[in-house]
Every structure is written in C-alpha cells, then in structure tokens.
N, C-alpha and C. Protein backbone atom coordinates (compact mmCIF):
# COMPACT_ATOMS: atom_id res chain seq x y z
N MET A 1 0.83 -1.19 0.00
CA MET A 1 0.00 0.00 0.00
C MET A 1 0.87 1.26 0.00
N THR A 2 2.01 1.21 0.68
CA THR A 2 2.89 2.38 0.74
C THR A 2 3.38 2.75 -0.65
N ARG A 3 3.75 1.76 -1.44
CA ARG A 3 4.24 2.04 -2.79
C ARG A 3 3.14 2.65 -3.66
N PHE A 4 1.94 2.15 -3.50
CA PHE A 4 0.81 2.71 -4.24
C PHE A 4 0.63 4.18 -3.89
N LEU A 5 0.70 4.52 -2.63
CA LEU A 5 0.54 5.91 -2.21
C LEU A 5 1.68 6.79 -2.71
N LEU A 6 2.89 6.24 -2.76
CA LEU A 6 4.02 6.99 -3.31
C LEU A 6 3.79 7.33 -4.79
N VAL A 7 3.29 6.35 -5.54
CA VAL A 7 3.00 6.59 -6.95
C VAL A 7 1.90 7.64 -7.09
N CYS A 8 0.87 7.56 -6.27
CA CYS A 8 -0.22 8.54 -6.32
C CYS A 8 0.27 9.94 -5.98
N LEU A 9 1.07 10.07 -4.95
CA LEU A 9 1.62 11.36 -4.55
C LEU A 9 2.50 11.91 -5.67
N GLY A 10 3.40 11.08 -6.19
CA GLY A 10 4.27 11.51 -7.27
C GLY A 10 3.48 11.90 -8.51
N GLY A 11 2.44 11.14 -8.83
CA GLY A 11 1.60 11.45 -9.99
C GLY A 11 0.94 12.81 -9.87
N ALA A 12 0.46 13.13 -8.67
CA ALA A 12 -0.15 14.44 -8.44
C ALA A 12 0.87 15.56 -8.65
N LEU A 13 2.07 15.37 -8.12
CA LEU A 13 3.13 16.37 -8.29
C LEU A 13 3.52 16.52 -9.76
N GLY A 14 3.65 15.40 -10.46
CA GLY A 14 4.02 15.45 -11.87
C GLY A 14 2.96 16.11 -12.73
N SER A 15 1.69 15.80 -12.45
CA SER A 15 0.60 16.41 -13.22
C SER A 15 0.55 17.91 -12.99
N GLY A 16 0.73 18.31 -11.75
CA GLY A 16 0.76 19.74 -11.45
C GLY A 16 1.92 20.43 -12.14
N ALA A 17 3.07 19.79 -12.15
CA ALA A 17 4.24 20.35 -12.83
C ALA A 17 4.00 20.48 -14.33
N ARG A 18 3.37 19.46 -14.92
CA ARG A 18 3.06 19.51 -16.36
C ARG A 18 2.16 20.69 -16.67
N TYR A 19 1.16 20.90 -15.83
CA TYR A 19 0.23 22.03 -16.01
C TYR A 19 0.98 23.36 -15.94
N LEU A 20 1.85 23.51 -14.95
CA LEU A 20 2.59 24.76 -14.80
C LEU A 20 3.55 25.00 -15.96
N VAL A 21 4.21 23.95 -16.43
CA VAL A 21 5.11 24.10 -17.58
C VAL A 21 4.31 24.52 -18.81
N SER A 22 3.15 23.91 -19.02
CA SER A 22 2.33 24.27 -20.17
C SER A 22 1.86 25.72 -20.11
N LEU A 23 1.46 26.16 -18.92
CA LEU A 23 1.05 27.57 -18.76
C LEU A 23 2.23 28.50 -19.04
N GLY A 24 3.38 28.16 -18.48
CA GLY A 24 4.56 29.00 -18.67
C GLY A 24 5.00 29.06 -20.11
N ALA A 25 4.98 27.93 -20.79
CA ALA A 25 5.37 27.90 -22.19
C ALA A 25 4.41 28.70 -23.05
N ALA A 26 3.13 28.58 -22.78
CA ALA A 26 2.13 29.35 -23.55
C ALA A 26 2.34 30.85 -23.34
N ALA A 27 2.62 31.24 -22.11
CA ALA A 27 2.85 32.65 -21.82
C ALA A 27 4.14 33.15 -22.49
N ALA A 28 5.17 32.31 -22.50
CA ALA A 28 6.46 32.72 -23.03
C ALA A 28 6.53 32.67 -24.55
N PHE A 29 5.93 31.62 -25.14
CA PHE A 29 6.12 31.38 -26.57
C PHE A 29 4.84 31.47 -27.40
N GLY A 30 3.69 31.62 -26.77
CA GLY A 30 2.43 31.65 -27.50
C GLY A 30 1.84 30.25 -27.65
N ILE A 31 0.69 30.20 -28.33
CA ILE A 31 -0.03 28.93 -28.43
C ILE A 31 -0.09 28.38 -29.86
N ALA A 32 0.69 28.96 -30.77
CA ALA A 32 0.67 28.50 -32.16
C ALA A 32 1.27 27.10 -32.31
N PHE A 33 2.12 26.71 -31.38
CA PHE A 33 2.76 25.39 -31.39
C PHE A 33 2.71 24.87 -29.96
N PRO A 34 2.54 23.54 -29.77
CA PRO A 34 2.43 23.00 -28.40
C PRO A 34 3.80 22.92 -27.70
N TYR A 35 4.38 24.09 -27.44
CA TYR A 35 5.70 24.15 -26.80
C TYR A 35 5.70 23.49 -25.43
N GLY A 36 4.63 23.65 -24.67
CA GLY A 36 4.56 23.05 -23.35
C GLY A 36 4.67 21.54 -23.41
N THR A 37 3.95 20.93 -24.32
CA THR A 37 4.00 19.47 -24.48
C THR A 37 5.40 19.04 -24.90
N LEU A 38 5.98 19.75 -25.84
CA LEU A 38 7.33 19.42 -26.28
C LEU A 38 8.33 19.53 -25.13
N LEU A 39 8.26 20.62 -24.36
CA LEU A 39 9.18 20.80 -23.23
C LEU A 39 9.01 19.69 -22.20
N VAL A 40 7.76 19.34 -21.89
CA VAL A 40 7.49 18.29 -20.92
C VAL A 40 8.05 16.96 -21.40
N ASN A 41 7.83 16.63 -22.66
CA ASN A 41 8.31 15.36 -23.19
C ASN A 41 9.83 15.30 -23.25
N LEU A 42 10.47 16.39 -23.63
CA LEU A 42 11.93 16.43 -23.66
C LEU A 42 12.50 16.31 -22.25
N ALA A 43 11.97 17.10 -21.33
CA ALA A 43 12.46 17.06 -19.95
C ALA A 43 12.18 15.71 -19.31
N GLY A 44 11.00 15.18 -19.53
CA GLY A 44 10.63 13.88 -18.95
C GLY A 44 11.51 12.76 -19.47
N SER A 45 11.80 12.78 -20.76
CA SER A 45 12.66 11.74 -21.34
C SER A 45 14.06 11.81 -20.74
N PHE A 46 14.58 13.02 -20.61
CA PHE A 46 15.90 13.19 -20.00
C PHE A 46 15.89 12.73 -18.55
N LEU A 47 14.90 13.17 -17.79
CA LEU A 47 14.88 12.88 -16.35
C LEU A 47 14.64 11.40 -16.05
N VAL A 48 13.77 10.72 -16.79
CA VAL A 48 13.55 9.30 -16.55
C VAL A 48 14.82 8.51 -16.85
N ALA A 49 15.47 8.80 -17.96
CA ALA A 49 16.72 8.10 -18.28
C ALA A 49 17.78 8.35 -17.21
N PHE A 50 17.89 9.60 -16.77
CA PHE A 50 18.86 9.96 -15.74
C PHE A 50 18.55 9.23 -14.43
N LEU A 51 17.31 9.31 -13.98
CA LEU A 51 16.91 8.69 -12.71
C LEU A 51 17.05 7.18 -12.74
N MET A 52 16.66 6.56 -13.84
CA MET A 52 16.78 5.11 -13.93
C MET A 52 18.24 4.67 -13.91
N HIS A 53 19.08 5.39 -14.62
CA HIS A 53 20.49 5.03 -14.63
C HIS A 53 21.09 5.18 -13.23
N VAL A 54 20.80 6.28 -12.58
CA VAL A 54 21.33 6.52 -11.23
C VAL A 54 20.83 5.45 -10.26
N SER A 55 19.56 5.12 -10.36
CA SER A 55 18.99 4.16 -9.40
C SER A 55 19.43 2.73 -9.67
N MET A 56 19.75 2.40 -10.91
CA MET A 56 20.13 1.03 -11.25
C MET A 56 21.63 0.78 -11.12
N THR A 57 22.42 1.84 -11.07
CA THR A 57 23.87 1.65 -11.04
C THR A 57 24.50 2.03 -9.71
N GLY A 58 23.69 2.36 -8.75
CA GLY A 58 24.25 2.75 -7.46
C GLY A 58 23.21 2.64 -6.37
N GLU A 59 23.56 3.17 -5.25
CA GLU A 59 22.65 3.12 -4.10
C GLU A 59 22.20 4.51 -3.69
N ILE A 60 22.24 5.44 -4.63
CA ILE A 60 21.84 6.81 -4.32
C ILE A 60 20.34 6.91 -4.10
N LEU A 61 19.56 6.18 -4.89
CA LEU A 61 18.10 6.20 -4.77
C LEU A 61 17.60 4.85 -4.30
N SER A 62 16.79 4.85 -3.26
CA SER A 62 16.17 3.61 -2.80
C SER A 62 15.10 3.21 -3.80
N PRO A 63 14.65 1.95 -3.78
CA PRO A 63 13.56 1.54 -4.68
C PRO A 63 12.30 2.39 -4.50
N GLU A 64 12.04 2.83 -3.27
CA GLU A 64 10.86 3.66 -3.01
C GLU A 64 11.00 5.03 -3.67
N TRP A 65 12.18 5.64 -3.55
CA TRP A 65 12.41 6.94 -4.18
C TRP A 65 12.35 6.82 -5.70
N ARG A 66 12.90 5.74 -6.24
CA ARG A 66 12.84 5.52 -7.69
C ARG A 66 11.39 5.42 -8.13
N LEU A 67 10.59 4.67 -7.41
CA LEU A 67 9.17 4.52 -7.73
C LEU A 67 8.44 5.86 -7.67
N LEU A 68 8.69 6.61 -6.61
CA LEU A 68 8.07 7.92 -6.45
C LEU A 68 8.44 8.85 -7.60
N LEU A 69 9.73 8.90 -7.91
CA LEU A 69 10.21 9.86 -8.91
C LEU A 69 9.93 9.44 -10.35
N THR A 70 10.08 8.15 -10.67
CA THR A 70 9.89 7.73 -12.06
C THR A 70 8.43 7.40 -12.37
N THR A 71 7.89 6.38 -11.72
CA THR A 71 6.51 5.98 -12.00
C THR A 71 5.54 7.08 -11.56
N GLY A 72 5.81 7.68 -10.40
CA GLY A 72 4.92 8.70 -9.88
C GLY A 72 5.08 10.05 -10.56
N VAL A 73 6.14 10.77 -10.20
CA VAL A 73 6.31 12.14 -10.70
C VAL A 73 6.42 12.17 -12.23
N MET A 74 7.35 11.39 -12.78
CA MET A 74 7.53 11.41 -14.23
C MET A 74 6.34 10.81 -14.97
N GLY A 75 5.68 9.82 -14.35
CA GLY A 75 4.47 9.26 -14.96
C GLY A 75 3.35 10.29 -15.04
N GLY A 76 3.24 11.13 -14.02
CA GLY A 76 2.26 12.21 -14.05
C GLY A 76 2.69 13.34 -14.96
N PHE A 77 3.99 13.55 -15.05
CA PHE A 77 4.54 14.63 -15.86
C PHE A 77 4.41 14.31 -17.35
N THR A 78 4.77 13.08 -17.73
CA THR A 78 4.68 12.66 -19.13
C THR A 78 4.82 11.15 -19.23
N THR A 79 3.93 10.51 -19.96
CA THR A 79 4.11 9.08 -20.21
C THR A 79 5.04 8.85 -21.38
N TYR A 80 5.29 9.88 -22.16
CA TYR A 80 6.22 9.74 -23.27
C TYR A 80 7.61 9.34 -22.76
N SER A 81 7.96 9.83 -21.58
CA SER A 81 9.28 9.52 -21.04
C SER A 81 9.45 8.02 -20.81
N THR A 82 8.39 7.33 -20.40
CA THR A 82 8.46 5.89 -20.20
C THR A 82 8.62 5.19 -21.54
N PHE A 83 7.85 5.59 -22.52
CA PHE A 83 7.99 5.04 -23.88
C PHE A 83 9.42 5.23 -24.38
N ASN A 84 9.96 6.42 -24.18
CA ASN A 84 11.32 6.71 -24.61
C ASN A 84 12.32 5.80 -23.92
N TYR A 85 12.20 5.64 -22.62
CA TYR A 85 13.14 4.80 -21.87
C TYR A 85 13.06 3.35 -22.33
N GLU A 86 11.85 2.84 -22.51
CA GLU A 86 11.69 1.45 -22.95
C GLU A 86 12.28 1.24 -24.34
N THR A 87 12.08 2.20 -25.24
CA THR A 87 12.64 2.10 -26.58
C THR A 87 14.16 2.15 -26.54
N LEU A 88 14.71 3.07 -25.76
CA LEU A 88 16.16 3.15 -25.62
C LEU A 88 16.74 1.86 -25.03
N SER A 89 16.01 1.25 -24.12
CA SER A 89 16.46 -0.03 -23.53
C SER A 89 16.57 -1.11 -24.60
N TYR A 90 15.58 -1.18 -25.49
CA TYR A 90 15.66 -2.14 -26.60
C TYR A 90 16.91 -1.87 -27.44
N PHE A 91 17.13 -0.62 -27.80
CA PHE A 91 18.28 -0.27 -28.63
C PHE A 91 19.59 -0.57 -27.92
N ARG A 92 19.67 -0.26 -26.64
CA ARG A 92 20.89 -0.52 -25.86
C ARG A 92 21.20 -2.01 -25.81
N GLU A 93 20.15 -2.83 -25.77
CA GLU A 93 20.32 -4.29 -25.73
C GLU A 93 20.56 -4.88 -27.11
N GLY A 94 20.56 -4.05 -28.14
CA GLY A 94 20.77 -4.53 -29.50
C GLY A 94 19.52 -5.06 -30.16
N ALA A 95 18.36 -4.88 -29.52
CA ALA A 95 17.09 -5.37 -30.07
C ALA A 95 16.49 -4.27 -30.95
N TRP A 96 17.16 -3.99 -32.05
CA TRP A 96 16.75 -2.90 -32.93
C TRP A 96 15.36 -3.11 -33.52
N GLY A 97 15.05 -4.35 -33.85
CA GLY A 97 13.72 -4.64 -34.40
C GLY A 97 12.61 -4.33 -33.42
N MET A 98 12.80 -4.74 -32.16
CA MET A 98 11.78 -4.48 -31.14
C MET A 98 11.67 -2.98 -30.86
N GLY A 99 12.80 -2.30 -30.82
CA GLY A 99 12.77 -0.86 -30.59
C GLY A 99 12.04 -0.13 -31.71
N THR A 100 12.35 -0.51 -32.94
CA THR A 100 11.70 0.10 -34.09
C THR A 100 10.21 -0.23 -34.11
N LEU A 101 9.88 -1.48 -33.78
CA LEU A 101 8.48 -1.87 -33.70
C LEU A 101 7.75 -1.04 -32.64
N ASN A 102 8.39 -0.83 -31.49
CA ASN A 102 7.77 -0.03 -30.43
C ASN A 102 7.51 1.40 -30.91
N VAL A 103 8.47 1.99 -31.61
CA VAL A 103 8.29 3.35 -32.13
C VAL A 103 7.14 3.38 -33.13
N ALA A 104 7.17 2.47 -34.10
CA ALA A 104 6.15 2.46 -35.15
C ALA A 104 4.77 2.15 -34.58
N ALA A 105 4.69 1.14 -33.71
CA ALA A 105 3.38 0.77 -33.14
C ALA A 105 2.82 1.91 -32.28
N THR A 106 3.68 2.56 -31.54
CA THR A 106 3.21 3.67 -30.70
C THR A 106 2.76 4.85 -31.54
N LEU A 107 3.60 5.25 -32.48
CA LEU A 107 3.27 6.42 -33.31
C LEU A 107 2.01 6.17 -34.13
N PHE A 108 2.02 5.11 -34.91
CA PHE A 108 0.89 4.87 -35.80
C PHE A 108 -0.34 4.34 -35.05
N GLY A 109 -0.10 3.53 -34.01
CA GLY A 109 -1.21 3.04 -33.21
C GLY A 109 -1.94 4.16 -32.49
N CYS A 110 -1.18 5.08 -31.91
CA CYS A 110 -1.80 6.21 -31.20
C CYS A 110 -2.51 7.15 -32.16
N LEU A 111 -1.93 7.38 -33.33
CA LEU A 111 -2.62 8.20 -34.33
C LEU A 111 -3.92 7.54 -34.75
N ALA A 112 -3.88 6.23 -34.99
CA ALA A 112 -5.09 5.51 -35.39
C ALA A 112 -6.13 5.51 -34.26
N ALA A 113 -5.68 5.31 -33.03
CA ALA A 113 -6.62 5.33 -31.90
C ALA A 113 -7.24 6.72 -31.74
N GLY A 114 -6.43 7.75 -31.91
CA GLY A 114 -6.96 9.11 -31.84
C GLY A 114 -7.99 9.39 -32.92
N LEU A 115 -7.68 8.95 -34.15
CA LEU A 115 -8.65 9.12 -35.24
C LEU A 115 -9.92 8.34 -34.98
N ALA A 116 -9.80 7.13 -34.43
CA ALA A 116 -10.98 6.33 -34.11
C ALA A 116 -11.81 7.00 -33.02
N GLY A 117 -11.16 7.53 -32.01
CA GLY A 117 -11.88 8.23 -30.95
C GLY A 117 -12.60 9.45 -31.47
N PHE A 118 -11.92 10.20 -32.33
CA PHE A 118 -12.52 11.37 -32.94
C PHE A 118 -13.72 10.98 -33.80
N ALA A 119 -13.57 9.92 -34.60
CA ALA A 119 -14.65 9.48 -35.48
C ALA A 119 -15.84 8.99 -34.67
N LEU A 120 -15.59 8.24 -33.59
CA LEU A 120 -16.70 7.77 -32.75
C LEU A 120 -17.43 8.93 -32.09
N ALA A 121 -16.68 9.92 -31.61
CA ALA A 121 -17.30 11.09 -31.00
C ALA A 121 -18.16 11.84 -32.01
N ARG A 122 -17.65 11.98 -33.24
CA ARG A 122 -18.43 12.66 -34.28
C ARG A 122 -19.68 11.87 -34.62
N LEU A 123 -19.55 10.54 -34.67
CA LEU A 123 -20.68 9.67 -34.98
C LEU A 123 -21.74 9.79 -33.88
N MET A 124 -21.29 9.79 -32.64
CA MET A 124 -22.22 9.82 -31.51
C MET A 124 -22.80 11.21 -31.24
N PHE A 125 -21.99 12.24 -31.42
CA PHE A 125 -22.42 13.59 -31.00
C PHE A 125 -22.43 14.63 -32.11
N GLY A 126 -22.06 14.22 -33.31
CA GLY A 126 -22.10 15.14 -34.45
C GLY A 126 -20.92 16.10 -34.52
N ARG A 127 -20.98 16.92 -35.53
CA ARG A 127 -20.00 17.94 -35.85
C ARG A 127 -18.77 17.28 -36.30
C-alpha cells in the first residue's frame, strides 16, 4: 500500500508540474505550437533516463524513491518519457527490431486510436 501511495503522490506532483510548464510555455512562446507538451516530453525523457540510470547503477536512490520519482512524478509529468526509456532499452540491448516496432506501433497506433476516438465522438455527437 505504501508504494501505491508513493505513486499517487508523485503522480499528483508530476501532473501539477506539467500544467505549470504548459502555462509557462504558452505565456512565453504563445499557443501556435504546443511548446509546453514538447518541453514536458523532452524534460521527462531526460529525467527518466537519468533517474533510472542513477537508481540502477548505485545506491543513491532507494527503490521507493525511484518509484516515487519515475513511475509517480515522471508518470504524471509525461508518459512519453516511459515510452522513450523502454525504446532506448531495446536499442541498448541490440534489439533494434523491437525498438523500431515499439516506435512504429506507438506512433501509428496512437494516431489511429486518436482518429478512431474522434470518429466515434463525431458519430455519436455530431460535428
């Protein structure tokens, strides 16, 4: 139960941080391009890779802190960072086919799922 609560706490902090970054980016750069989303995904990808490496190669972070910071905070901040880490892990292990499949399936699968959701909403509610 403690680990579950750590993930929930971290998720709340990460979601709040994502919201603040998006507001700040919109204020600084405008809304013509989703700068906030890009910044969150870039920062999240960097931070998850950094935190996972630190936690797996030393004793600086306990398993609980790793869970709080990666699954919790970074999971709330951006799920793209997890996708990025998993893909990089495939590439690091030499599993280029699986890494490429993960990229293609995620990119095209998510686009297709988004189009399907949009189409169903239009079918059900019009416009």
